[in-house]
Amino acid sequence: MLFKIVMFLLFGLIIWNLAQGMRYLVTDQGRTKRTVRSLTWRVALSGLLVIFLVVGALRGWIKPHTLQGHASQQNSPRI
């Protein structure tokens, strides 16, 4: 459960920094470096989220699903 909370917090921070970067881009009109700083944080947090997801999958904290679906659906005829 803690893993999911941290994952959603990271995702929320990524969206927050994206919105902040857009706001700084519009309001500052290129006069300050706040846009670059905000988008740098977004890229860093995105990288951290990817690493966190990989570690979670390798440690068994999350289970990735397959594209085939459940075992009972694999033998059903396709339309």
C-alpha atoms as a PDB file:
ATOM      1  CA  MET A   1       0.000   0.000   0.000  1.00  0.00           C
ATOM      2  CA  LEU A   2       2.854   2.363   0.810  1.00  0.00           C
ATOM      3  CA  PHE A   3       4.308   1.683  -2.645  1.00  0.00           C
ATOM      4  CA  LYS A   4       1.093   2.839  -4.328  1.00  0.00           C
ATOM      5  CA  ILE A   5       0.886   5.964  -2.167  1.00  0.00           C
ATOM      6  CA  VAL A   6       4.457   6.952  -3.049  1.00  0.00           C
ATOM      7  CA  MET A   7       3.798   6.195  -6.721  1.00  0.00           C
ATOM      8  CA  PHE A   8       0.699   8.422  -6.806  1.00  0.00           C
ATOM      9  CA  LEU A   9       2.512  11.192  -4.922  1.00  0.00           C
ATOM     10  CA  LEU A  10       5.343  11.117  -7.466  1.00  0.00           C
ATOM     11  CA  PHE A  11       2.841  11.201 -10.317  1.00  0.00           C
ATOM     12  CA  GLY A  12       1.036  14.128  -8.684  1.00  0.00           C
ATOM     13  CA  LEU A  13       4.319  16.022  -8.304  1.00  0.00           C
ATOM     14  CA  ILE A  14       5.106  15.389 -11.969  1.00  0.00           C
ATOM     15  CA  ILE A  15       1.747  16.833 -13.046  1.00  0.00           C
ATOM     16  CA  TRP A  16       2.202  19.761 -10.616  1.00  0.00           C
ATOM     17  CA  ASN A  17       5.636  20.604 -12.071  1.00  0.00           C
ATOM     18  CA  LEU A  18       4.268  20.359 -15.603  1.00  0.00           C
ATOM     19  CA  ALA A  19       1.511  22.845 -14.735  1.00  0.00           C
ATOM     20  CA  GLN A  20       3.991  25.128 -12.973  1.00  0.00           C
ATOM     21  CA  GLY A  21       6.272  25.066 -16.016  1.00  0.00           C
ATOM     22  CA  MET A  22       3.372  26.021 -18.264  1.00  0.00           C
ATOM     23  CA  ARG A  23       2.380  28.835 -15.897  1.00  0.00           C
ATOM     24  CA  TYR A  24       5.938  30.174 -15.735  1.00  0.00           C
ATOM     25  CA  LEU A  25       6.231  29.957 -19.519  1.00  0.00           C
ATOM     26  CA  VAL A  26       3.143  32.125 -19.950  1.00  0.00           C
ATOM     27  CA  THR A  27       3.732  34.624 -17.130  1.00  0.00           C
ATOM     28  CA  ASP A  28       7.519  35.120 -17.281  1.00  0.00           C
ATOM     29  CA  GLN A  29       7.766  35.175 -21.099  1.00  0.00           C
ATOM     30  CA  GLY A  30      11.333  33.896 -21.023  1.00  0.00           C
ATOM     31  CA  ARG A  31      12.730  36.469 -18.594  1.00  0.00           C
ATOM     32  CA  THR A  32      13.516  34.012 -15.788  1.00  0.00           C
ATOM     33  CA  LYS A  33      14.792  30.454 -15.520  1.00  0.00           C
ATOM     34  CA  ARG A  34      11.803  29.218 -13.522  1.00  0.00           C
ATOM     35  CA  THR A  35      10.390  27.360 -16.537  1.00  0.00           C
ATOM     36  CA  VAL A  36      13.615  25.444 -17.083  1.00  0.00           C
ATOM     37  CA  ARG A  37      13.942  24.666 -13.385  1.00  0.00           C
ATOM     38  CA  SER A  38      10.360  23.397 -13.184  1.00  0.00           C
ATOM     39  CA  LEU A  39      10.680  21.199 -16.245  1.00  0.00           C
ATOM     40  CA  THR A  40      14.044  19.879 -14.999  1.00  0.00           C
ATOM     41  CA  TRP A  41      12.331  18.785 -11.800  1.00  0.00           C
ATOM     42  CA  ARG A  42       9.617  17.121 -13.876  1.00  0.00           C
ATOM     43  CA  VAL A  43      12.139  15.121 -15.893  1.00  0.00           C
ATOM     44  CA  ALA A  44      14.001  14.111 -12.723  1.00  0.00           C
ATOM     45  CA  LEU A  45      10.785  13.028 -10.996  1.00  0.00           C
ATOM     46  CA  SER A  46       9.718  11.088 -14.097  1.00  0.00           C
ATOM     47  CA  GLY A  47      13.024   9.245 -14.090  1.00  0.00           C
ATOM     48  CA  LEU A  48      12.618   8.505 -10.393  1.00  0.00           C
ATOM     49  CA  LEU A  49       9.108   7.175 -11.020  1.00  0.00           C
ATOM     50  CA  VAL A  50      10.360   4.848 -13.779  1.00  0.00           C
ATOM     51  CA  ILE A  51      13.150   3.560 -11.528  1.00  0.00           C
ATOM     52  CA  PHE A  52      10.658   3.130  -8.696  1.00  0.00           C
ATOM     53  CA  LEU A  53       8.314   1.124 -10.958  1.00  0.00           C
ATOM     54  CA  VAL A  54      11.132  -1.120 -12.202  1.00  0.00           C
ATOM     55  CA  VAL A  55      12.353  -1.798  -8.671  1.00  0.00           C
ATOM     56  CA  GLY A  56       8.778  -2.478  -7.546  1.00  0.00           C
ATOM     57  CA  ALA A  57       8.253  -4.959 -10.369  1.00  0.00           C
ATOM     58  CA  LEU A  58      11.570  -6.714  -9.723  1.00  0.00           C
ATOM     59  CA  ARG A  59      10.938  -6.967  -5.964  1.00  0.00           C
ATOM     60  CA  GLY A  60       7.391  -8.260  -6.474  1.00  0.00           C
ATOM     61  CA  TRP A  61       5.635  -5.223  -4.980  1.00  0.00           C
ATOM     62  CA  ILE A  62       3.608  -4.820  -8.173  1.00  0.00           C
ATOM     63  CA  LYS A  63       2.645  -7.452 -10.694  1.00  0.00           C
ATOM     64  CA  PRO A  64       2.568  -6.433 -14.358  1.00  0.00           C
ATOM     65  CA  HIS A  65      -0.242  -8.040 -16.337  1.00  0.00           C
ATOM     66  CA  THR A  66      -0.035  -9.681 -19.732  1.00  0.00           C
ATOM     67  CA  LEU A  67      -1.910  -8.579 -22.803  1.00  0.00           C
ATOM     68  CA  GLN A  68      -3.624 -11.968 -23.202  1.00  0.00           C
ATOM     69  CA  GLY A  69      -5.858 -11.528 -20.179  1.00  0.00           C
ATOM     70  CA  HIS A  70      -6.950 -14.315 -17.848  1.00  0.00           C
ATOM     71  CA  ALA A  71      -6.190 -17.985 -18.467  1.00  0.00           C
ATOM     72  CA  SER A  72      -9.905 -18.737 -18.910  1.00  0.00           C
ATOM     73  CA  GLN A  73     -10.087 -16.267 -21.800  1.00  0.00           C
ATOM     74  CA  GLN A  74      -7.058 -17.595 -23.669  1.00  0.00           C
ATOM     75  CA  ASN A  75      -8.860 -20.616 -25.139  1.00  0.00           C
ATOM     76  CA  SER A  76     -12.065 -18.815 -26.048  1.00  0.00           C
ATOM     77  CA  PRO A  77     -12.700 -18.341 -29.776  1.00  0.00           C
ATOM     78  CA  ARG A  78     -12.029 -14.888 -31.158  1.00  0.00           C
ATOM     79  CA  ILE A  79     -14.667 -13.054 -33.131  1.00  0.00           C
END
